[in-house]
Protein backbone atom coordinates (compact mmCIF):
# COMPACT_ATOMS: atom_id res chain seq x y z
CA MET A 1 57.60 70.18 170.46
CA PRO A 2 58.86 72.48 167.20
CA PRO A 3 56.90 71.43 163.77
CA LYS A 4 58.75 68.72 161.77
CA ALA A 5 60.49 70.42 158.79
CA GLU A 6 58.93 69.38 155.49
CA LEU A 7 61.12 67.00 153.42
CA ARG A 8 62.81 68.49 150.06
CA PRO A 9 61.76 66.61 147.01
CA VAL A 10 65.25 65.33 147.12
CA ASP A 11 65.40 64.22 150.72
CA LYS A 12 62.18 62.18 149.50
CA HIS A 13 63.65 60.57 146.70
CA PHE A 14 66.47 59.37 148.54
CA ASP A 15 65.03 58.29 151.52
CA GLU A 16 62.56 56.05 149.27
CA TYR A 17 65.43 54.39 147.40
CA SER A 18 67.38 53.99 150.65
CA LEU A 19 64.85 51.95 152.22
CA VAL A 20 64.41 50.18 149.50
CA GLN A 21 68.17 49.36 149.16
CA LYS A 22 68.27 47.21 152.24
CA GLN A 23 66.13 44.73 150.07
CA PHE A 24 68.81 44.57 147.07
CA MET A 25 70.17 41.30 145.83
CA LEU A 26 73.55 42.77 144.97
CA PRO A 27 76.19 44.30 147.25
CA VAL A 28 76.54 48.53 147.30
CA PRO A 29 79.80 48.55 145.20
CA VAL A 30 78.27 46.54 142.30
CA LEU A 31 75.03 48.53 142.71
CA CYS A 32 77.10 51.83 142.24
CA PHE A 33 78.78 50.40 139.55
CA ALA A 34 75.70 49.79 137.78
CA ILE A 35 74.43 53.11 137.91
CA VAL A 36 77.70 54.71 136.55
CA LEU A 37 77.94 51.98 133.88
CA THR A 38 74.26 52.34 133.08
CA LEU A 39 74.61 56.42 132.98
CA PHE A 40 77.83 56.39 131.05
CA GLY A 41 76.11 53.83 128.63
CA LEU A 42 73.19 55.95 128.00
CA VAL A 43 75.35 59.42 127.52
CA THR A 44 77.34 57.24 125.15
CA PHE A 45 74.46 55.70 123.08
CA ILE A 46 73.23 59.33 122.90
CA TRP A 47 76.04 60.96 122.15
CA ALA A 48 76.51 58.63 118.92
CA LEU A 49 73.46 59.36 117.39
CA PRO A 50 73.26 61.45 114.20
CA PHE A 51 72.56 65.41 114.76
CA PRO A 52 71.17 66.92 111.96
CA TYR A 53 73.04 69.98 110.34
CA ILE A 54 72.20 73.30 111.67
CA SER A 55 73.51 76.41 109.60
CA PHE A 56 73.20 78.72 112.06
CA LEU A 57 75.69 77.13 114.25
CA GLY A 58 78.51 78.00 111.97
CA ARG A 59 82.13 76.19 113.03
CA TYR A 60 80.43 74.86 116.38
CA ASN A 61 78.28 72.58 114.73
CA GLY A 62 79.90 69.28 115.60
CA TYR A 63 79.83 70.24 119.30
CA ILE A 64 75.89 70.34 119.60
CA ASN A 65 74.45 66.83 120.07
CA TRP A 66 71.50 65.13 121.09
CA ALA A 67 73.78 64.65 124.36
CA SER A 68 74.04 68.04 125.19
CA PHE A 69 70.10 68.02 125.48
CA LEU A 70 70.05 65.38 127.93
CA ILE A 71 72.92 66.79 130.10
CA ALA A 72 71.12 70.14 129.88
CA PHE A 73 67.59 68.75 130.99
CA SER A 74 69.11 66.67 133.51
CA ILE A 75 71.13 69.59 135.33
CA TYR A 76 68.10 71.91 135.37
CA TYR A 77 66.18 68.92 136.94
CA LEU A 78 68.77 68.08 139.18
CA LEU A 79 69.32 71.99 140.24
CA ARG A 80 65.83 72.91 141.02
CA LEU A 81 66.17 69.76 143.14
CA SER A 82 69.30 70.36 145.12
CA PRO A 83 72.16 72.67 143.47
CA LEU A 84 74.69 70.39 144.91
CA VAL A 85 73.77 67.15 143.70
CA SER A 86 73.44 69.28 140.19
CA TYR A 87 76.98 70.30 140.44
CA VAL A 88 78.31 66.71 141.19
CA MET A 89 76.16 65.63 138.45
CA LEU A 90 77.69 68.17 136.01
CA PHE A 91 81.16 67.27 136.82
CA MET A 92 80.50 63.81 136.65
CA LEU A 93 79.16 64.26 133.25
CA PHE A 94 82.12 66.16 132.38
CA ALA A 95 84.27 63.20 132.95
CA PHE A 96 81.68 61.37 131.09
CA SER A 97 82.16 63.49 127.86
CA TYR A 98 85.78 63.37 128.25
CA GLY A 99 85.80 59.45 128.37
CA ILE A 100 83.57 59.90 125.14
CA ILE A 101 85.67 62.27 122.98
CA GLN A 102 88.61 59.38 123.64
CA LEU A 103 86.18 56.65 122.40
CA GLU A 104 85.26 58.79 119.41
CA GLY A 105 89.21 59.04 118.51
CA TRP A 106 89.58 55.50 119.19
CA GLN A 107 86.90 54.71 116.98
CA LYS A 108 88.59 56.70 114.06
CA ALA A 109 91.76 54.97 114.88
CA GLY A 110 89.89 51.32 113.85
CA GLY A 111 88.43 51.11 117.14
CA PRO A 112 84.63 49.61 118.00
CA GLU A 113 81.42 52.07 116.83
CA LEU A 114 80.66 54.61 119.70
CA TRP A 115 76.96 53.74 119.56
CA LEU A 116 78.02 49.73 119.98
CA VAL A 117 80.40 50.70 123.45
CA GLY A 118 77.35 52.53 124.36
CA LEU A 119 74.78 50.29 123.88
CA VAL A 120 76.89 47.58 125.73
CA ALA A 121 77.59 49.40 128.91
CA LEU A 122 73.91 50.40 128.95
CA ILE A 123 72.69 46.66 128.38
CA VAL A 124 75.43 45.44 131.13
CA GLY A 125 74.58 48.48 133.47
CA LEU A 126 70.78 48.06 133.45
CA ALA A 127 71.18 44.16 133.46
CA LEU A 128 72.81 44.59 136.89
CA GLN A 129 70.34 47.00 138.16
CA LEU A 130 67.26 44.96 136.89
CA LEU A 131 68.78 41.80 138.80
CA THR A 132 68.87 43.91 141.83
CA TYR A 133 65.27 45.17 141.39
CA ARG A 134 64.26 41.61 140.72
CA SER A 135 61.59 41.38 142.99
CA PHE A 136 59.58 44.60 142.06
CA ASN A 137 57.32 44.83 139.76
CA PHE A 138 57.67 46.63 136.24
CA ASN A 139 56.82 50.48 137.14
CA ARG A 140 58.62 50.26 140.45
CA ARG A 141 61.80 48.93 138.80
CA LEU A 142 61.77 52.01 136.27
CA ARG A 143 61.08 54.36 139.17
CA LEU A 144 64.06 52.84 141.23
CA LEU A 145 66.17 53.07 137.98
CA MET A 146 65.12 57.17 137.67
CA LEU A 147 66.01 57.47 141.25
CA ALA A 148 69.26 55.51 141.42
CA PRO A 149 71.82 58.40 139.89
CA LEU A 150 69.84 60.74 142.10
CA TRP A 151 70.79 58.06 145.35
CA LEU A 152 74.58 57.73 144.51
CA ILE A 153 75.29 61.26 144.43
CA VAL A 154 73.37 62.02 147.44
CA SER A 155 75.12 59.52 149.12
CA ILE A 156 78.41 60.19 148.01
CA ILE A 157 77.43 63.92 149.02
CA LYS A 158 76.67 62.57 152.81
CA LYS A 159 79.73 60.33 152.65
CA LEU A 160 82.04 63.64 152.58
CA ASN A 161 79.67 65.34 154.93
CA PHE A 162 78.46 68.16 152.70
CA LYS A 163 74.88 69.75 153.44
CA HIS A 164 72.98 69.13 150.27
């Protein structure tokens, strides 16, 4: 019998979340919506945080913000786990960035503050996820919150029959 191939970290994380996912209280589409809403809220809220003026950036000063560092860190981390997963996350974050820029335009036209929109989306998404994870202790809930985006992306990739 050939030796079993060792699971990659991305597969271990996916399997861990998938085993627990069967115990969740909410249906999977609601959970997927909550995961996307949480990610969008987090990126929006961090995007809205004031970033200091850095003179050497010159005319590009408005294009760098705290969300740039969050995006770079998350893509780097996912790239180490699986390149395809990092590419899907990058495209998702590009879509979020487009939406956030549209929200900034709406804010300038008299709409709600960007940080408030991000905070509301983050709270609603977290509330839905924590409602789903209510049977677990705090440390387990935190771990599941961290694994949720990875699980969502890998699930999408598997539905499309791509090898990750």
